[in-house]
PDB file of N, CA and C in Angstrom:
ATOM      1  N   MET A   1       6.298  14.224  44.497  1.00  0.00           N
ATOM      2  CA  MET A   1       7.338  15.393  44.408  1.00  0.00           C
ATOM      3  C   MET A   1       5.976  16.511  43.238  1.00  0.00           C
ATOM      4  N   ASP A   2       5.962  16.993  43.701  1.00  0.00           N
ATOM      5  CA  ASP A   2       4.570  18.877  43.117  1.00  0.00           C
ATOM      6  C   ASP A   2       5.360  19.533  42.286  1.00  0.00           C
ATOM      7  N   LEU A   3       5.775  20.336  41.584  1.00  0.00           N
ATOM      8  CA  LEU A   3       6.588  21.334  40.860  1.00  0.00           C
ATOM      9  C   LEU A   3       6.942  21.482  41.351  1.00  0.00           C
ATOM     10  N   GLN A   4       5.535  22.625  42.050  1.00  0.00           N
ATOM     11  CA  GLN A   4       6.346  23.735  42.589  1.00  0.00           C
ATOM     12  C   GLN A   4       7.439  23.047  43.784  1.00  0.00           C
ATOM     13  N   THR A   5       7.528  22.589  44.413  1.00  0.00           N
ATOM     14  CA  THR A   5       8.726  22.035  45.191  1.00  0.00           C
ATOM     15  C   THR A   5      10.020  22.119  44.637  1.00  0.00           C
ATOM     16  N   ILE A   6      10.520  21.497  43.163  1.00  0.00           N
ATOM     17  CA  ILE A   6      11.049  20.355  42.525  1.00  0.00           C
ATOM     18  C   ILE A   6      11.430  22.155  42.077  1.00  0.00           C
ATOM     19  N   LYS A   7      10.785  23.048  41.678  1.00  0.00           N
ATOM     20  CA  LYS A   7      10.497  25.113  41.171  1.00  0.00           C
ATOM     21  C   LYS A   7      11.994  25.140  42.020  1.00  0.00           C
ATOM     22  N   GLU A   8      11.219  24.671  44.032  1.00  0.00           N
ATOM     23  CA  GLU A   8      11.830  26.031  44.804  1.00  0.00           C
ATOM     24  C   GLU A   8      13.359  25.046  44.877  1.00  0.00           C
ATOM     25  N   ARG A   9      13.223  23.757  45.000  1.00  0.00           N
ATOM     26  CA  ARG A   9      14.504  23.208  44.979  1.00  0.00           C
ATOM     27  C   ARG A   9      15.766  24.237  43.640  1.00  0.00           C
ATOM     28  N   VAL A  10      15.562  24.041  42.958  1.00  0.00           N
ATOM     29  CA  VAL A  10      15.844  23.662  41.549  1.00  0.00           C
ATOM     30  C   VAL A  10      17.118  26.072  41.528  1.00  0.00           C
ATOM     31  N   ALA A  11      15.410  26.258  42.636  1.00  0.00           N
ATOM     32  CA  ALA A  11      16.257  28.421  42.897  1.00  0.00           C
ATOM     33  C   ALA A  11      16.816  28.332  43.660  1.00  0.00           C
ATOM     34  N   LEU A  12      16.795  27.334  44.413  1.00  0.00           N
ATOM     35  CA  LEU A  12      17.869  26.876  46.083  1.00  0.00           C
ATOM     36  C   LEU A  12      19.037  26.454  45.392  1.00  0.00           C
ATOM     37  N   VAL A  13      19.554  25.280  44.541  1.00  0.00           N
ATOM     38  CA  VAL A  13      20.353  25.137  43.641  1.00  0.00           C
ATOM     39  C   VAL A  13      21.193  25.749  43.277  1.00  0.00           C
ATOM     40  N   GLN A  14      20.414  27.208  42.331  1.00  0.00           N
ATOM     41  CA  GLN A  14      21.025  28.207  41.194  1.00  0.00           C
ATOM     42  C   GLN A  14      20.863  28.954  42.423  1.00  0.00           C
ATOM     43  N   SER A  15      20.514  29.262  43.078  1.00  0.00           N
ATOM     44  CA  SER A  15      21.427  30.304  44.399  1.00  0.00           C
ATOM     45  C   SER A  15      22.667  29.713  44.683  1.00  0.00           C
ATOM     46  N   LYS A  16      22.873  28.654  44.488  1.00  0.00           N
ATOM     47  CA  LYS A  16      24.883  28.570  45.130  1.00  0.00           C
ATOM     48  C   LYS A  16      24.932  28.935  44.475  1.00  0.00           C
ATOM     49  N   ARG A  17      24.561  29.290  42.677  1.00  0.00           N
ATOM     50  CA  ARG A  17      26.267  29.698  42.125  1.00  0.00           C
ATOM     51  C   ARG A  17      27.103  30.458  42.388  1.00  0.00           C
ATOM     52  N   GLU A  18      26.018  31.590  42.506  1.00  0.00           N
ATOM     53  CA  GLU A  18      26.812  32.869  43.354  1.00  0.00           C
ATOM     54  C   GLU A  18      27.822  32.649  44.467  1.00  0.00           C
ATOM     55  N   TYR A  19      27.944  31.902  44.529  1.00  0.00           N
ATOM     56  CA  TYR A  19      28.873  30.989  45.544  1.00  0.00           C
ATOM     57  C   TYR A  19      29.619  30.153  44.662  1.00  0.00           C
ATOM     58  N   LEU A  20      29.674  29.326  44.210  1.00  0.00           N
ATOM     59  CA  LEU A  20      31.057  29.150  43.194  1.00  0.00           C
ATOM     60  C   LEU A  20      31.678  29.777  43.054  1.00  0.00           C
ATOM     61  N   LEU A  21      30.706  30.971  42.309  1.00  0.00           N
ATOM     62  CA  LEU A  21      31.302  32.254  41.082  1.00  0.00           C
ATOM     63  C   LEU A  21      32.574  33.463  42.388  1.00  0.00           C
ATOM     64  N   SER A  22      32.248  33.568  43.464  1.00  0.00           N
ATOM     65  CA  SER A  22      32.821  34.059  44.285  1.00  0.00           C
ATOM     66  C   SER A  22      34.099  33.158  45.055  1.00  0.00           C
ATOM     67  N   LEU A  23      34.326  32.084  44.523  1.00  0.00           N
ATOM     68  CA  LEU A  23      35.292  31.370  44.715  1.00  0.00           C
ATOM     69  C   LEU A  23      35.810  31.751  43.452  1.00  0.00           C
ATOM     70  N   LEU A  24      35.609  31.287  42.166  1.00  0.00           N
ATOM     71  CA  LEU A  24      36.898  31.977  41.839  1.00  0.00           C
ATOM     72  C   LEU A  24      37.614  32.791  41.781  1.00  0.00           C
ATOM     73  N   GLU A  25      37.184  34.192  41.857  1.00  0.00           N
ATOM     74  CA  GLU A  25      37.620  35.193  41.914  1.00  0.00           C
ATOM     75  C   GLU A  25      38.719  34.955  43.816  1.00  0.00           C
ATOM     76  N   GLN A  26      38.998  33.664  44.183  1.00  0.00           N
ATOM     77  CA  GLN A  26      40.007  33.741  45.252  1.00  0.00           C
ATOM     78  C   GLN A  26      41.465  33.684  44.467  1.00  0.00           C
ATOM     79  N   PRO A  27      42.317  33.676  44.588  1.00  0.00           N
ATOM     80  CA  PRO A  27      43.365  34.375  44.583  1.00  0.00           C
ATOM     81  C   PRO A  27      44.234  32.625  44.087  1.00  0.00           C
ATOM     82  N   ASN A  28      44.009  32.311  45.668  1.00  0.00           N
ATOM     83  CA  ASN A  28      44.767  31.504  46.364  1.00  0.00           C
ATOM     84  C   ASN A  28      43.787  29.816  46.196  1.00  0.00           C
ATOM     85  N   ILE A  29      42.782  29.919  45.586  1.00  0.00           N
ATOM     86  CA  ILE A  29      41.902  28.786  45.569  1.00  0.00           C
ATOM     87  C   ILE A  29      42.881  27.069  44.678  1.00  0.00           C
ATOM     88  N   GLY A  30      44.013  27.371  44.134  1.00  0.00           N
ATOM     89  CA  GLY A  30      44.573  26.852  43.338  1.00  0.00           C
ATOM     90  C   GLY A  30      44.164  25.565  42.758  1.00  0.00           C
ATOM     91  N   THR A  31      44.285  24.389  42.576  1.00  0.00           N
ATOM     92  CA  THR A  31      43.373  23.699  42.099  1.00  0.00           C
ATOM     93  C   THR A  31      42.278  23.292  41.346  1.00  0.00           C
ATOM     94  N   LEU A  32      41.741  24.191  42.975  1.00  0.00           N
ATOM     95  CA  LEU A  32      40.555  23.374  42.700  1.00  0.00           C
ATOM     96  C   LEU A  32      39.722  24.827  42.012  1.00  0.00           C
ATOM     97  N   ARG A  33      40.395  25.137  41.483  1.00  0.00           N
ATOM     98  CA  ARG A  33      39.650  25.929  40.160  1.00  0.00           C
ATOM     99  C   ARG A  33      39.226  25.054  39.127  1.00  0.00           C
ATOM    100  N   VAL A  34      39.634  24.245  38.856  1.00  0.00           N
ATOM    101  CA  VAL A  34      39.556  23.603  37.872  1.00  0.00           C
ATOM    102  C   VAL A  34      37.744  22.453  38.521  1.00  0.00           C
ATOM    103  N   ASP A  35      38.413  22.261  39.405  1.00  0.00           N
ATOM    104  CA  ASP A  35      36.634  21.564  40.119  1.00  0.00           C
ATOM    105  C   ASP A  35      35.974  22.330  40.135  1.00  0.00           C
ATOM    106  N   VAL A  36      36.041  24.059  40.856  1.00  0.00           N
ATOM    107  CA  VAL A  36      34.732  24.651  40.539  1.00  0.00           C
ATOM    108  C   VAL A  36      34.590  25.185  39.767  1.00  0.00           C
ATOM    109  N   ASN A  37      35.498  24.950  38.198  1.00  0.00           N
ATOM    110  CA  ASN A  37      33.911  25.862  36.923  1.00  0.00           C
ATOM    111  C   ASN A  37      33.500  24.449  36.151  1.00  0.00           C
ATOM    112  N   GLN A  38      34.449  23.131  36.607  1.00  0.00           N
ATOM    113  CA  GLN A  38      33.142  22.028  36.687  1.00  0.00           C
ATOM    114  C   GLN A  38      32.297  22.126  37.206  1.00  0.00           C
ATOM    115  N   ALA A  39      31.974  22.739  38.605  1.00  0.00           N
ATOM    116  CA  ALA A  39      31.099  22.731  38.841  1.00  0.00           C
ATOM    117  C   ALA A  39      29.767  23.866  38.660  1.00  0.00           C
ATOM    118  N   LEU A  40      30.870  24.434  37.684  1.00  0.00           N
ATOM    119  CA  LEU A  40      28.860  25.398  37.677  1.00  0.00           C
ATOM    120  C   LEU A  40      28.450  25.147  36.559  1.00  0.00           C
ATOM    121  N   GLU A  41      29.425  24.504  35.589  1.00  0.00           N
ATOM    122  CA  GLU A  41      29.109  24.136  34.094  1.00  0.00           C
ATOM    123  C   GLU A  41      28.127  23.077  34.711  1.00  0.00           C
ATOM    124  N   GLU A  42      28.408  22.642  34.776  1.00  0.00           N
ATOM    125  CA  GLU A  42      26.952  21.411  35.422  1.00  0.00           C
ATOM    126  C   GLU A  42      26.702  21.870  35.900  1.00  0.00           C
ATOM    127  N   LEU A  43      25.904  22.868  36.849  1.00  0.00           N
ATOM    128  CA  LEU A  43      24.454  23.271  37.084  1.00  0.00           C
ATOM    129  C   LEU A  43      24.119  23.816  36.540  1.00  0.00           C
ATOM    130  N   ASP A  44      24.701  24.435  35.516  1.00  0.00           N
ATOM    131  CA  ASP A  44      23.982  25.949  33.952  1.00  0.00           C
ATOM    132  C   ASP A  44      23.597  24.088  33.286  1.00  0.00           C
ATOM    133  N   ASP A  45      24.248  23.415  33.751  1.00  0.00           N
ATOM    134  CA  ASP A  45      23.048  22.725  32.588  1.00  0.00           C
ATOM    135  C   ASP A  45      22.120  21.683  32.655  1.00  0.00           C
ATOM    136  N   LEU A  46      22.371  21.688  34.246  1.00  0.00           N
ATOM    137  CA  LEU A  46      21.228  21.004  34.688  1.00  0.00           C
ATOM    138  C   LEU A  46      20.276  21.526  34.854  1.00  0.00           C
ATOM    139  N   ILE A  47      20.488  23.180  34.979  1.00  0.00           N
ATOM    140  CA  ILE A  47      19.192  24.632  35.325  1.00  0.00           C
ATOM    141  C   ILE A  47      19.203  24.755  33.539  1.00  0.00           C
ATOM    142  N   ASP A  48      19.841  24.551  32.511  1.00  0.00           N
ATOM    143  CA  ASP A  48      18.951  24.542  31.447  1.00  0.00           C
ATOM    144  C   ASP A  48      18.067  23.409  30.617  1.00  0.00           C
ATOM    145  N   GLU A  49      18.428  22.050  31.435  1.00  0.00           N
ATOM    146  CA  GLU A  49      17.934  20.985  31.472  1.00  0.00           C
ATOM    147  C   GLU A  49      16.474  21.057  30.931  1.00  0.00           C
ATOM    148  N   PHE A  50      16.684  21.629  33.090  1.00  0.00           N
ATOM    149  CA  PHE A  50      15.480  22.070  33.854  1.00  0.00           C
ATOM    150  C   PHE A  50      14.081  23.192  32.943  1.00  0.00           C
ATOM    151  N   ARG A  51      15.169  24.305  32.152  1.00  0.00           N
ATOM    152  CA  ARG A  51      13.947  24.882  31.690  1.00  0.00           C
ATOM    153  C   ARG A  51      14.028  24.963  30.151  1.00  0.00           C
ATOM    154  N   ARG A  52      14.431  23.787  29.824  1.00  0.00           N
ATOM    155  CA  ARG A  52      13.881  22.801  28.308  1.00  0.00           C
ATOM    156  C   ARG A  52      13.206  21.643  28.021  1.00  0.00           C
ATOM    157  N   SER A  53      12.533  21.332  29.977  1.00  0.00           N
ATOM    158  CA  SER A  53      11.769  20.557  30.682  1.00  0.00           C
ATOM    159  C   SER A  53      10.280  21.360  31.030  1.00  0.00           C
ATOM    160  N   ILE A  54      10.992  22.092  31.118  1.00  0.00           N
ATOM    161  CA  ILE A  54      10.082  23.018  31.644  1.00  0.00           C
ATOM    162  C   ILE A  54       9.514  24.015  31.182  1.00  0.00           C
ATOM    163  N   PRO A  55       9.347  24.180  30.312  1.00  0.00           N
ATOM    164  CA  PRO A  55       9.417  25.474  29.693  1.00  0.00           C
ATOM    165  C   PRO A  55       8.926  26.783  30.721  1.00  0.00           C
ATOM    166  N   GLU A  56       7.533  26.503  31.035  1.00  0.00           N
ATOM    167  CA  GLU A  56       6.702  27.752  31.684  1.00  0.00           C
ATOM    168  C   GLU A  56       7.587  28.165  32.866  1.00  0.00           C
ATOM    169  N   THR A  57       8.839  27.580  33.307  1.00  0.00           N
ATOM    170  CA  THR A  57       9.313  27.711  34.558  1.00  0.00           C
ATOM    171  C   THR A  57       9.935  28.260  34.014  1.00  0.00           C
ATOM    172  N   ASP A  58      10.112  30.014  35.625  1.00  0.00           N
ATOM    173  CA  ASP A  58      11.033  31.305  35.863  1.00  0.00           C
ATOM    174  C   ASP A  58      10.772  30.701  37.244  1.00  0.00           C
ATOM    175  N   ILE A  59      12.147  30.398  37.167  1.00  0.00           N
ATOM    176  CA  ILE A  59      13.771  30.633  38.268  1.00  0.00           C
ATOM    177  C   ILE A  59      14.548  31.238  37.872  1.00  0.00           C
ATOM    178  N   ASN A  60      15.331  32.396  38.704  1.00  0.00           N
ATOM    179  CA  ASN A  60      16.262  33.092  38.073  1.00  0.00           C
ATOM    180  C   ASN A  60      17.722  32.666  38.457  1.00  0.00           C
TER     181      ASN A  60
END
Protein backbone atom coordinates (compact mmCIF):
# COMPACT_ATOMS: atom_id res chain seq x y z
CA MET A 1 0.00 0.00 0.00
CA ASP A 2 1.43 3.36 -0.98
CA LEU A 3 1.59 6.42 1.23
CA GLN A 4 -1.12 8.28 -0.67
CA THR A 5 -3.59 5.43 -0.13
CA ILE A 6 -2.77 5.34 3.56
CA LYS A 7 -3.28 9.11 3.82
CA GLU A 8 -6.65 8.82 2.08
CA ARG A 9 -7.79 6.06 4.40
CA VAL A 10 -6.69 7.92 7.51
CA ALA A 11 -8.53 11.02 6.27
CA LEU A 12 -11.65 8.93 5.72
CA VAL A 13 -11.48 7.51 9.23
CA GLN A 14 -10.85 10.97 10.63
CA SER A 15 -13.95 12.26 8.85
CA LYS A 16 -16.03 9.79 10.90
CA ARG A 17 -14.99 11.62 14.06
CA GLU A 18 -17.66 14.25 13.50
CA TYR A 19 -20.32 11.55 13.54
CA LEU A 20 -19.05 10.29 16.89
CA LEU A 21 -19.16 13.82 18.26
CA SER A 22 -22.75 14.18 17.09
CA LEU A 23 -23.64 10.99 18.95
CA LEU A 24 -22.40 12.55 22.18
CA GLU A 25 -24.94 15.32 21.72
CA GLN A 26 -27.80 12.81 21.78
CA PRO A 27 -29.46 12.80 25.21
CA ASN A 28 -30.78 9.26 24.89
CA ILE A 29 -27.63 7.20 24.26
CA GLY A 30 -27.30 6.10 27.87
CA THR A 31 -24.32 3.89 28.58
CA LEU A 32 -23.33 3.96 24.90
CA ARG A 33 -21.76 7.32 25.78
CA VAL A 34 -18.86 5.45 27.42
CA ASP A 35 -18.20 3.52 24.21
CA VAL A 36 -18.42 6.64 22.04
CA ASN A 37 -15.96 8.46 24.30
CA GLN A 38 -13.60 5.48 24.14
CA ALA A 39 -13.87 5.38 20.34
CA LEU A 40 -13.06 9.09 20.13
CA GLU A 41 -10.03 8.70 22.39
CA GLU A 42 -8.70 5.78 20.37
CA LEU A 43 -9.35 7.53 17.08
CA ASP A 44 -7.47 10.61 18.29
CA ASP A 45 -4.59 8.44 19.50
CA LEU A 46 -4.35 6.66 16.15
CA ILE A 47 -4.37 9.91 14.20
CA ASP A 48 -1.71 11.40 16.48
CA GLU A 49 0.43 8.29 16.08
CA PHE A 50 0.06 8.47 12.30
CA ARG A 51 1.12 12.13 12.31
CA ARG A 52 4.14 11.33 14.48
CA SER A 53 5.11 8.44 12.20
CA ILE A 54 4.74 10.47 9.01
CA PRO A 55 5.32 14.10 10.05
CA GLU A 56 4.86 15.62 6.60
CA THR A 57 1.29 14.33 6.55
CA ASP A 58 -1.36 16.96 5.98
CA ILE A 59 -4.70 15.44 6.92
CA ASN A 60 -7.48 17.47 8.46
